[in-house]
């Protein structure tokens, strides 16, 4: 006996509200920079060559500075004119609250995390390369301050990874299980439905 399959809802419903193009571009740029940032620092921890380790640290610092700049741009655009689609009306209140809390915490960490790394580097009392420039030593070495900001930087990096993971899992749950269109609001490929 044949059973007709229930058609599955598309990832992006035709005419559904979506994030604007600039918001999408900045979102995916942030993800790309985070991959570079974490990849560089993890590779540095395993590097046996001193020059390679220094180059990876420079990449990490530069990616962090770019994450900071992109985050400020995202926040400015969000306030000034970015389009943020509402969650479906079927989304439970607790899920809405969790999504909003995760979003705010992500923005906070993306804005603060690079600053903690920068202060840690400055507190070492030595010049260091950043985005192709040399940041001069502006203070004498402060070992305690450097250690403090190193600890804060590492702890907040762990929290950032957890929040990014939760954000990704929630997006995939909406896209692959609930299929309520939430995932599609941030997928550039879904902007225009495919035509036959």
N, C-alpha and C. Protein backbone atom coordinates (compact mmCIF):
# COMPACT_ATOMS: atom_id res chain seq x y z
N UNK A 1 0.85 -1.18 0.00
CA UNK A 1 0.00 0.00 0.00
C UNK A 1 0.88 1.24 0.00
N UNK A 2 0.62 2.12 -0.97
CA UNK A 2 1.44 3.32 -1.10
C UNK A 2 0.91 4.41 -0.18
N UNK A 3 1.83 5.03 0.48
CA UNK A 3 1.48 6.18 1.31
C UNK A 3 2.09 7.42 0.69
N UNK A 4 1.26 8.41 0.46
CA UNK A 4 1.78 9.66 -0.09
C UNK A 4 2.58 10.38 0.99
N UNK A 5 3.77 10.84 0.62
CA UNK A 5 4.59 11.55 1.58
C UNK A 5 4.04 12.95 1.81
N UNK A 6 4.09 13.37 3.07
CA UNK A 6 3.66 14.72 3.39
C UNK A 6 4.71 15.69 2.88
N UNK A 7 4.32 16.67 2.09
CA UNK A 7 5.33 17.60 1.58
C UNK A 7 5.95 18.39 2.73
N UNK A 8 7.26 18.58 2.66
CA UNK A 8 7.97 19.32 3.69
C UNK A 8 8.03 20.79 3.32
N UNK A 9 7.91 21.62 4.33
CA UNK A 9 7.95 23.06 4.09
C UNK A 9 9.34 23.46 3.61
N UNK A 10 9.43 24.42 2.71
CA UNK A 10 10.74 24.87 2.24
C UNK A 10 11.48 25.63 3.34
N UNK A 11 12.82 25.71 3.20
CA UNK A 11 13.61 26.48 4.16
C UNK A 11 13.23 27.95 4.13
N UNK A 12 12.90 28.45 2.96
CA UNK A 12 12.49 29.84 2.82
C UNK A 12 11.15 29.89 2.11
N UNK A 13 10.15 30.37 2.82
CA UNK A 13 8.84 30.50 2.20
C UNK A 13 8.84 31.70 1.26
N UNK A 14 8.18 31.56 0.13
CA UNK A 14 8.14 32.65 -0.84
C UNK A 14 7.47 33.87 -0.20
N UNK A 15 8.13 35.01 -0.28
CA UNK A 15 7.56 36.24 0.28
C UNK A 15 7.72 36.37 1.78
N UNK A 16 8.39 35.41 2.45
CA UNK A 16 8.56 35.48 3.90
C UNK A 16 9.53 36.60 4.24
N UNK A 17 9.35 37.24 5.42
CA UNK A 17 10.28 38.29 5.83
C UNK A 17 11.68 37.72 5.97
N UNK A 18 12.68 38.52 5.58
CA UNK A 18 14.07 38.06 5.63
C UNK A 18 14.95 39.17 6.16
N UNK A 19 16.13 38.79 6.64
CA UNK A 19 17.13 39.80 6.97
C UNK A 19 17.53 40.51 5.68
N UNK A 20 17.91 41.76 5.80
CA UNK A 20 18.37 42.50 4.63
C UNK A 20 19.76 42.01 4.23
N UNK A 21 20.18 42.36 3.02
CA UNK A 21 21.44 41.86 2.47
C UNK A 21 22.66 42.23 3.29
N UNK A 22 22.72 43.47 3.79
CA UNK A 22 23.88 43.88 4.57
C UNK A 22 23.96 43.12 5.89
N UNK A 23 22.83 42.91 6.54
CA UNK A 23 22.81 42.13 7.79
C UNK A 23 23.30 40.71 7.54
N UNK A 24 22.85 40.12 6.43
CA UNK A 24 23.30 38.76 6.11
C UNK A 24 24.80 38.73 5.83
N UNK A 25 25.29 39.70 5.06
CA UNK A 25 26.72 39.73 4.72
C UNK A 25 27.58 39.88 5.97
N UNK A 26 27.17 40.77 6.87
CA UNK A 26 27.95 40.99 8.10
C UNK A 26 27.88 39.77 9.03
N UNK A 27 26.74 39.09 9.05
CA UNK A 27 26.59 37.87 9.87
C UNK A 27 27.57 36.80 9.41
N UNK A 28 27.59 36.53 8.09
CA UNK A 28 28.45 35.46 7.57
C UNK A 28 29.92 35.87 7.58
N UNK A 29 30.20 37.17 7.44
CA UNK A 29 31.57 37.65 7.58
C UNK A 29 32.07 37.42 9.00
N UNK A 30 31.21 37.68 9.98
CA UNK A 30 31.57 37.44 11.38
C UNK A 30 31.92 35.97 11.60
N UNK A 31 31.09 35.08 11.06
CA UNK A 31 31.36 33.64 11.21
C UNK A 31 32.70 33.28 10.58
N UNK A 32 32.96 33.78 9.38
CA UNK A 32 34.23 33.49 8.72
C UNK A 32 35.43 33.98 9.54
N UNK A 33 35.32 35.18 10.09
CA UNK A 33 36.40 35.73 10.91
C UNK A 33 36.60 34.92 12.19
N UNK A 34 35.50 34.45 12.78
CA UNK A 34 35.62 33.62 14.00
C UNK A 34 36.33 32.31 13.70
N UNK A 35 36.04 31.73 12.53
CA UNK A 35 36.72 30.48 12.14
C UNK A 35 38.22 30.73 12.00
N UNK A 36 38.59 31.84 11.36
CA UNK A 36 40.01 32.20 11.21
C UNK A 36 40.63 32.46 12.58
N UNK A 37 39.93 33.21 13.41
CA UNK A 37 40.44 33.59 14.72
C UNK A 37 40.72 32.37 15.60
N UNK A 38 39.73 31.50 15.74
CA UNK A 38 39.92 30.32 16.59
C UNK A 38 40.87 29.32 15.95
N UNK A 39 40.79 29.18 14.63
CA UNK A 39 41.70 28.27 13.94
C UNK A 39 43.15 28.68 14.12
N UNK A 40 43.42 29.98 14.02
CA UNK A 40 44.80 30.47 14.16
C UNK A 40 45.34 30.24 15.57
N UNK A 41 44.52 30.48 16.58
CA UNK A 41 45.04 30.35 17.95
C UNK A 41 45.21 28.88 18.32
N UNK A 42 44.31 28.00 17.83
CA UNK A 42 44.48 26.57 18.10
C UNK A 42 45.71 26.03 17.38
N UNK A 43 45.93 26.50 16.14
CA UNK A 43 47.13 26.07 15.41
C UNK A 43 48.39 26.58 16.10
N UNK A 44 48.34 27.78 16.64
CA UNK A 44 49.49 28.35 17.33
C UNK A 44 49.88 27.50 18.55
N UNK A 45 48.88 27.00 19.25
CA UNK A 45 49.16 26.19 20.45
C UNK A 45 49.88 24.89 20.09
N UNK A 46 49.77 24.47 18.82
CA UNK A 46 50.40 23.22 18.39
C UNK A 46 51.65 23.46 17.54
N UNK A 47 51.96 24.74 17.28
CA UNK A 47 53.10 25.06 16.41
C UNK A 47 54.41 24.84 17.17
N UNK A 48 55.35 24.19 16.50
CA UNK A 48 56.65 23.94 17.13
C UNK A 48 57.67 25.00 16.71
N UNK A 49 57.37 25.71 15.63
CA UNK A 49 58.29 26.74 15.12
C UNK A 49 57.89 28.11 15.67
N UNK A 50 58.86 28.85 16.22
CA UNK A 50 58.58 30.15 16.83
C UNK A 50 58.06 31.17 15.84
N UNK A 51 58.60 31.21 14.63
CA UNK A 51 58.15 32.18 13.62
C UNK A 51 56.71 31.88 13.19
N UNK A 52 56.41 30.60 13.03
CA UNK A 52 55.04 30.21 12.66
C UNK A 52 54.06 30.58 13.77
N UNK A 53 54.47 30.35 15.01
CA UNK A 53 53.61 30.68 16.15
C UNK A 53 53.33 32.18 16.19
N UNK A 54 54.36 32.99 15.94
CA UNK A 54 54.18 34.45 15.94
C UNK A 54 53.26 34.89 14.80
N UNK A 55 53.42 34.28 13.62
CA UNK A 55 52.56 34.62 12.48
C UNK A 55 51.11 34.27 12.79
N UNK A 56 50.88 33.12 13.41
CA UNK A 56 49.52 32.70 13.76
C UNK A 56 48.91 33.62 14.82
N UNK A 57 49.73 34.07 15.76
CA UNK A 57 49.24 35.01 16.78
C UNK A 57 48.86 36.34 16.12
N UNK A 58 49.64 36.76 15.14
CA UNK A 58 49.33 38.00 14.42
C UNK A 58 48.01 37.86 13.66
N UNK A 59 47.80 36.70 13.02
CA UNK A 59 46.53 36.45 12.32
C UNK A 59 45.38 36.48 13.32
N UNK A 60 45.58 35.85 14.48
CA UNK A 60 44.55 35.82 15.52
C UNK A 60 44.20 37.24 15.98
N UNK A 61 45.21 38.03 16.27
CA UNK A 61 44.97 39.39 16.73
C UNK A 61 44.25 40.22 15.66
N UNK A 62 44.70 40.08 14.42
CA UNK A 62 44.12 40.87 13.33
C UNK A 62 42.67 40.45 13.07
N UNK A 63 42.40 39.16 13.12
CA UNK A 63 41.02 38.68 12.95
C UNK A 63 40.15 39.20 14.09
N UNK A 64 40.72 39.24 15.31
CA UNK A 64 39.98 39.77 16.45
C UNK A 64 39.62 41.24 16.27
N UNK A 65 40.59 42.02 15.76
CA UNK A 65 40.32 43.45 15.52
C UNK A 65 39.23 43.61 14.47
N UNK A 66 39.24 42.76 13.44
CA UNK A 66 38.20 42.83 12.40
C UNK A 66 36.85 42.40 12.94
N UNK A 67 36.82 41.38 13.82
CA UNK A 67 35.56 40.97 14.45
C UNK A 67 34.97 42.14 15.22
N UNK A 68 35.82 42.85 15.95
CA UNK A 68 35.37 44.00 16.74
C UNK A 68 34.77 45.06 15.83
N UNK A 69 35.47 45.40 14.74
CA UNK A 69 34.98 46.43 13.81
C UNK A 69 33.67 46.00 13.14
N UNK A 70 33.60 44.74 12.72
CA UNK A 70 32.39 44.24 12.06
C UNK A 70 31.22 44.22 13.05
N UNK A 71 31.49 43.86 14.30
CA UNK A 71 30.43 43.83 15.31
C UNK A 71 29.87 45.23 15.55
N UNK A 72 30.74 46.23 15.64
CA UNK A 72 30.26 47.60 15.80
C UNK A 72 29.43 48.04 14.59
N UNK A 73 29.87 47.63 13.39
CA UNK A 73 29.11 47.94 12.17
C UNK A 73 27.75 47.25 12.20
N UNK A 74 27.72 46.00 12.65
CA UNK A 74 26.44 45.27 12.74
C UNK A 74 25.48 45.96 13.70
N UNK A 75 26.01 46.36 14.87
CA UNK A 75 25.15 47.01 15.86
C UNK A 75 24.64 48.35 15.34
N UNK A 76 25.51 49.12 14.68
CA UNK A 76 25.09 50.41 14.13
C UNK A 76 24.01 50.21 13.06
N UNK A 77 24.21 49.21 12.18
CA UNK A 77 23.23 48.96 11.13
C UNK A 77 21.92 48.45 11.72
N UNK A 78 22.01 47.63 12.75
CA UNK A 78 20.81 47.09 13.40
C UNK A 78 19.95 48.22 13.97
N UNK A 79 20.62 49.21 14.56
CA UNK A 79 19.91 50.34 15.16
C UNK A 79 19.37 51.28 14.09
N UNK A 80 20.14 51.48 13.02
CA UNK A 80 19.79 52.49 12.03
C UNK A 80 18.84 52.02 10.92
N UNK A 81 18.86 50.75 10.57
CA UNK A 81 17.99 50.39 9.46
C UNK A 81 17.97 48.92 9.08
N UNK A 82 18.67 48.09 9.82
CA UNK A 82 18.67 46.67 9.50
C UNK A 82 17.30 46.05 9.69
N UNK A 83 16.98 45.09 8.86
CA UNK A 83 15.69 44.40 8.95
C UNK A 83 15.87 43.10 9.71
N UNK A 84 15.12 42.94 10.80
CA UNK A 84 15.16 41.72 11.61
C UNK A 84 13.78 41.08 11.62
N UNK A 85 13.62 39.98 10.93
CA UNK A 85 12.31 39.32 10.91
C UNK A 85 11.93 38.78 12.28
N UNK A 86 10.66 38.84 12.60
CA UNK A 86 10.17 38.29 13.87
C UNK A 86 10.15 36.77 13.79
N UNK A 87 10.28 36.13 14.96
CA UNK A 87 10.14 34.68 15.01
C UNK A 87 8.69 34.31 14.72
N UNK A 88 8.43 33.11 14.22
CA UNK A 88 7.04 32.69 13.94
C UNK A 88 6.19 32.80 15.20
N UNK A 89 4.91 33.08 15.02
CA UNK A 89 3.99 33.23 16.16
C UNK A 89 3.87 31.93 16.96
N UNK A 90 4.21 30.81 16.34
CA UNK A 90 4.12 29.51 17.03
C UNK A 90 5.29 29.27 17.99
N UNK A 91 6.30 30.14 17.96
CA UNK A 91 7.46 29.97 18.82
C UNK A 91 7.08 30.24 20.28
N UNK A 92 7.32 29.28 21.19
CA UNK A 92 6.98 29.48 22.59
C UNK A 92 7.72 30.68 23.20
N UNK A 93 7.11 31.30 24.20
CA UNK A 93 7.67 32.50 24.83
C UNK A 93 9.07 32.24 25.38
N UNK A 94 9.27 31.07 26.00
CA UNK A 94 10.58 30.78 26.59
C UNK A 94 11.65 30.69 25.50
N UNK A 95 11.28 30.13 24.35
CA UNK A 95 12.23 30.06 23.23
C UNK A 95 12.56 31.44 22.70
N UNK A 96 11.55 32.31 22.66
CA UNK A 96 11.79 33.68 22.22
C UNK A 96 12.75 34.38 23.16
N UNK A 97 12.53 34.19 24.46
CA UNK A 97 13.39 34.81 25.46
C UNK A 97 14.82 34.29 25.33
N UNK A 98 14.96 32.97 25.17
CA UNK A 98 16.30 32.37 25.05
C UNK A 98 17.01 32.88 23.80
N UNK A 99 16.28 33.00 22.69
CA UNK A 99 16.89 33.49 21.45
C UNK A 99 17.38 34.92 21.62
N UNK A 100 16.57 35.76 22.26
CA UNK A 100 16.96 37.16 22.47
C UNK A 100 18.15 37.26 23.41
N UNK A 101 18.13 36.47 24.50
CA UNK A 101 19.24 36.50 25.45
C UNK A 101 20.54 36.04 24.79
N UNK A 102 20.45 34.99 23.96
CA UNK A 102 21.64 34.50 23.26
C UNK A 102 22.17 35.56 22.29
N UNK A 103 21.27 36.23 21.59
CA UNK A 103 21.68 37.26 20.63
C UNK A 103 22.41 38.40 21.34
N UNK A 104 21.83 38.89 22.44
CA UNK A 104 22.46 40.00 23.17
C UNK A 104 23.80 39.58 23.75
N UNK A 105 23.86 38.37 24.29
CA UNK A 105 25.13 37.88 24.87
C UNK A 105 26.20 37.74 23.79
N UNK A 106 25.80 37.27 22.61
CA UNK A 106 26.76 37.15 21.50
C UNK A 106 27.30 38.52 21.09
N UNK A 107 26.42 39.48 20.94
CA UNK A 107 26.87 40.83 20.57
C UNK A 107 27.80 41.39 21.64
N UNK A 108 27.45 41.20 22.90
CA UNK A 108 28.28 41.71 23.99
C UNK A 108 29.68 41.10 23.95
N UNK A 109 29.75 39.78 23.81
CA UNK A 109 31.05 39.11 23.77
C UNK A 109 31.85 39.46 22.53
N UNK A 110 31.18 39.57 21.39
CA UNK A 110 31.88 39.92 20.15
C UNK A 110 32.46 41.33 20.22
N UNK A 111 31.83 42.19 21.01
CA UNK A 111 32.34 43.56 21.17
C UNK A 111 33.42 43.65 22.24
N UNK A 112 33.30 42.85 23.30
CA UNK A 112 34.22 42.95 24.44
C UNK A 112 35.44 42.04 24.30
N UNK A 113 35.25 40.86 23.74
CA UNK A 113 36.32 39.87 23.65
C UNK A 113 37.59 40.40 22.97
N UNK A 114 37.48 41.07 21.81
CA UNK A 114 38.70 41.60 21.19
C UNK A 114 39.40 42.65 22.06
N UNK A 115 38.63 43.40 22.84
CA UNK A 115 39.22 44.43 23.71
C UNK A 115 40.07 43.77 24.80
N UNK A 116 39.58 42.66 25.35
CA UNK A 116 40.37 41.98 26.40
C UNK A 116 41.68 41.46 25.83
N UNK A 117 41.64 40.95 24.60
CA UNK A 117 42.87 40.48 23.96
C UNK A 117 43.83 41.63 23.67
N UNK A 118 43.28 42.77 23.24
CA UNK A 118 44.11 43.93 22.95
C UNK A 118 44.79 44.44 24.23
N UNK A 119 44.02 44.55 25.31
CA UNK A 119 44.60 45.03 26.58
C UNK A 119 45.68 44.06 27.07
N UNK A 120 45.42 42.76 26.93
CA UNK A 120 46.43 41.77 27.32
C UNK A 120 47.73 41.99 26.54
N UNK A 121 47.62 42.24 25.23
CA UNK A 121 48.80 42.45 24.39
C UNK A 121 49.52 43.74 24.78
N UNK A 122 48.77 44.81 25.02
CA UNK A 122 49.37 46.09 25.40
C UNK A 122 50.08 45.97 26.75
N UNK A 123 49.46 45.21 27.68
CA UNK A 123 50.03 45.08 29.03
C UNK A 123 51.35 44.31 29.04
N UNK A 124 51.69 43.67 27.93
CA UNK A 124 52.98 42.97 27.84
C UNK A 124 54.13 43.96 27.68
N UNK A 125 53.80 45.21 27.35
CA UNK A 125 54.81 46.25 27.27
C UNK A 125 55.73 46.16 26.08
N UNK A 126 55.30 45.50 25.02
CA UNK A 126 56.13 45.35 23.81
C UNK A 126 55.30 45.73 22.58
N UNK A 127 55.97 46.22 21.53
CA UNK A 127 55.24 46.46 20.27
C UNK A 127 54.74 45.12 19.70
N UNK A 128 53.63 45.19 18.96
CA UNK A 128 53.14 43.97 18.32
C UNK A 128 52.44 44.32 17.01
N UNK A 129 52.50 43.41 16.03
CA UNK A 129 51.85 43.67 14.74
C UNK A 129 50.35 43.44 14.82
N UNK A 130 49.62 44.29 14.08
CA UNK A 130 48.16 44.18 14.04
C UNK A 130 47.68 44.76 12.72
N UNK A 131 47.01 43.97 11.91
CA UNK A 131 46.46 44.41 10.63
C UNK A 131 47.52 45.05 9.74
N UNK A 132 48.73 44.49 9.77
CA UNK A 132 49.79 44.99 8.92
C UNK A 132 50.53 46.20 9.47
N UNK A 133 50.13 46.68 10.63
CA UNK A 133 50.77 47.82 11.27
C UNK A 133 51.48 47.35 12.53
N UNK A 134 52.32 48.21 13.09
CA UNK A 134 52.99 47.88 14.35
C UNK A 134 52.39 48.77 15.44
N UNK A 135 51.81 48.13 16.45
CA UNK A 135 51.28 48.87 17.59
C UNK A 135 52.44 49.09 18.57
N UNK A 136 52.77 50.35 18.86
CA UNK A 136 53.93 50.60 19.72
C UNK A 136 53.64 50.26 21.18
N UNK A 137 54.70 50.08 21.94
CA UNK A 137 54.55 49.88 23.38
C UNK A 137 54.12 51.21 24.00
N UNK A 138 53.01 51.21 24.69
CA UNK A 138 52.49 52.45 25.28
C UNK A 138 52.57 52.44 26.81
N UNK A 139 53.03 51.32 27.35
CA UNK A 139 53.17 51.21 28.80
C UNK A 139 54.26 50.20 29.12
N UNK A 140 54.77 50.28 30.34
CA UNK A 140 55.74 49.28 30.79
C UNK A 140 55.01 47.97 31.03
N UNK A 141 55.74 46.89 31.00
CA UNK A 141 55.12 45.58 31.20
C UNK A 141 54.44 45.51 32.57
N UNK A 142 53.18 45.07 32.55
CA UNK A 142 52.42 44.85 33.79
C UNK A 142 51.98 43.39 33.78
N UNK A 143 52.80 42.57 34.44
CA UNK A 143 52.59 41.12 34.39
C UNK A 143 51.23 40.73 34.97
N UNK A 144 50.85 41.36 36.09
CA UNK A 144 49.57 41.01 36.72
C UNK A 144 48.39 41.37 35.83
N UNK A 145 48.44 42.56 35.21
CA UNK A 145 47.36 42.98 34.32
C UNK A 145 47.28 42.07 33.10
N UNK A 146 48.44 41.72 32.55
CA UNK A 146 48.48 40.83 31.39
C UNK A 146 47.89 39.47 31.73
N UNK A 147 48.25 38.92 32.89
CA UNK A 147 47.71 37.61 33.31
C UNK A 147 46.21 37.68 33.55
N UNK A 148 45.76 38.79 34.16
CA UNK A 148 44.33 38.95 34.43
C UNK A 148 43.54 38.95 33.13
N UNK A 149 43.98 39.77 32.16
CA UNK A 149 43.23 39.87 30.91
C UNK A 149 43.39 38.61 30.06
N UNK A 150 44.50 37.90 30.22
CA UNK A 150 44.64 36.61 29.53
C UNK A 150 43.59 35.62 30.05
N UNK A 151 43.42 35.59 31.37
CA UNK A 151 42.43 34.68 31.97
C UNK A 151 41.01 35.05 31.54
N UNK A 152 40.72 36.36 31.54
CA UNK A 152 39.38 36.81 31.11
C UNK A 152 39.17 36.49 29.64
N UNK A 153 40.20 36.71 28.83
CA UNK A 153 40.12 36.46 27.39
C UNK A 153 39.84 34.98 27.10
N UNK A 154 40.53 34.10 27.80
CA UNK A 154 40.33 32.65 27.59
C UNK A 154 38.95 32.21 28.06
N UNK A 155 38.54 32.68 29.24
CA UNK A 155 37.23 32.28 29.78
C UNK A 155 36.10 32.77 28.89
N UNK A 156 36.18 34.02 28.44
CA UNK A 156 35.11 34.55 27.60
C UNK A 156 35.13 33.91 26.21
N UNK A 157 36.30 33.45 25.75
CA UNK A 157 36.36 32.72 24.47
C UNK A 157 35.59 31.42 24.57
N UNK A 158 35.71 30.74 25.72
CA UNK A 158 34.96 29.50 25.92
C UNK A 158 33.45 29.76 25.91
N UNK A 159 33.04 30.83 26.61
CA UNK A 159 31.62 31.19 26.64
C UNK A 159 31.14 31.55 25.23
N UNK A 160 31.97 32.27 24.48
CA UNK A 160 31.61 32.65 23.11
C UNK A 160 31.39 31.41 22.25
N UNK A 161 32.28 30.44 22.36
CA UNK A 161 32.12 29.21 21.59
C UNK A 161 30.83 28.49 21.94
N UNK A 162 30.50 28.45 23.22
CA UNK A 162 29.26 27.79 23.66
C UNK A 162 28.05 28.51 23.09
N UNK A 163 28.05 29.84 23.14
CA UNK A 163 26.92 30.61 22.62
C UNK A 163 26.78 30.46 21.11
N UNK A 164 27.90 30.46 20.40
CA UNK A 164 27.86 30.26 18.94
C UNK A 164 27.30 28.86 18.64
N UNK A 165 27.74 27.86 19.42
CA UNK A 165 27.23 26.50 19.23
C UNK A 165 25.73 26.41 19.47
N UNK A 166 25.25 27.06 20.53
CA UNK A 166 23.81 27.08 20.82
C UNK A 166 23.04 27.77 19.70
N UNK A 167 23.59 28.88 19.22
CA UNK A 167 22.96 29.63 18.13
C UNK A 167 22.85 28.77 16.87
N UNK A 168 23.93 28.06 16.55
CA UNK A 168 23.93 27.20 15.36
C UNK A 168 22.96 26.04 15.52
N UNK A 169 22.95 25.42 16.70
CA UNK A 169 22.04 24.29 16.95
C UNK A 169 20.58 24.74 16.84
N UNK A 170 20.27 25.91 17.40
CA UNK A 170 18.91 26.42 17.33
C UNK A 170 18.50 26.70 15.89
N UNK A 171 19.43 27.28 15.11
CA UNK A 171 19.13 27.57 13.70
C UNK A 171 18.88 26.27 12.93
N UNK A 172 19.71 25.26 13.17
CA UNK A 172 19.54 23.98 12.48
C UNK A 172 18.25 23.28 12.93
N UNK A 173 17.89 23.41 14.20
CA UNK A 173 16.65 22.82 14.70
C UNK A 173 15.45 23.45 13.98
N UNK A 174 15.48 24.79 13.85
CA UNK A 174 14.40 25.48 13.15
C UNK A 174 14.36 25.06 11.67
N UNK A 175 15.56 24.91 11.07
CA UNK A 175 15.60 24.63 9.64
C UNK A 175 15.32 23.19 9.26
N UNK A 176 15.84 22.25 10.07
CA UNK A 176 15.75 20.84 9.69
C UNK A 176 14.65 20.06 10.40
N UNK A 177 14.25 20.53 11.58
CA UNK A 177 13.21 19.81 12.33
C UNK A 177 11.87 20.54 12.24
N UNK A 178 11.85 21.79 12.72
CA UNK A 178 10.60 22.55 12.69
C UNK A 178 10.24 23.01 11.28
N UNK A 179 11.26 23.30 10.48
CA UNK A 179 11.07 23.79 9.11
C UNK A 179 10.06 24.94 9.08
N UNK A 180 10.29 25.91 9.97
CA UNK A 180 9.37 27.03 10.09
C UNK A 180 9.86 28.29 9.38
N UNK A 181 10.95 28.16 8.59
CA UNK A 181 11.43 29.29 7.81
C UNK A 181 12.45 30.16 8.51
N UNK A 182 12.71 29.92 9.81
CA UNK A 182 13.63 30.78 10.56
C UNK A 182 15.05 30.70 9.99
N UNK A 183 15.53 29.50 9.71
CA UNK A 183 16.88 29.34 9.16
C UNK A 183 17.02 30.08 7.84
N UNK A 184 16.00 29.99 7.01
CA UNK A 184 16.05 30.60 5.69
C UNK A 184 16.13 32.11 5.70
N UNK A 185 15.76 32.74 6.82
CA UNK A 185 15.79 34.20 6.86
C UNK A 185 17.21 34.74 6.80
N UNK A 186 18.22 33.88 7.07
CA UNK A 186 19.62 34.32 7.05
C UNK A 186 20.43 33.59 5.98
N UNK A 187 19.78 32.83 5.12
CA UNK A 187 20.49 32.12 4.06
C UNK A 187 20.44 32.90 2.76
N UNK A 188 21.59 33.42 2.31
CA UNK A 188 21.60 34.20 1.06
C UNK A 188 21.08 33.41 -0.12
N UNK A 189 21.36 32.09 -0.19
CA UNK A 189 20.95 31.27 -1.34
C UNK A 189 19.44 31.19 -1.45
N UNK A 190 18.72 31.43 -0.38
CA UNK A 190 17.26 31.30 -0.40
C UNK A 190 16.55 32.58 -0.76
N UNK A 191 17.31 33.60 -1.14
CA UNK A 191 16.67 34.88 -1.42
C UNK A 191 15.65 34.77 -2.54
N UNK A 192 16.04 34.06 -3.58
CA UNK A 192 15.11 33.88 -4.70
C UNK A 192 14.77 32.39 -4.84
N UNK A 193 13.50 32.03 -4.76
CA UNK A 193 13.13 30.62 -4.94
C UNK A 193 13.56 30.13 -6.32
N UNK A 194 13.96 28.87 -6.40
CA UNK A 194 14.35 28.28 -7.69
C UNK A 194 13.12 28.14 -8.57
N UNK A 195 13.34 28.43 -9.83
CA UNK A 195 12.23 28.26 -10.77
C UNK A 195 12.46 27.01 -11.59
N UNK A 196 11.38 26.36 -12.00
CA UNK A 196 11.49 25.17 -12.84
C UNK A 196 11.75 25.56 -14.26
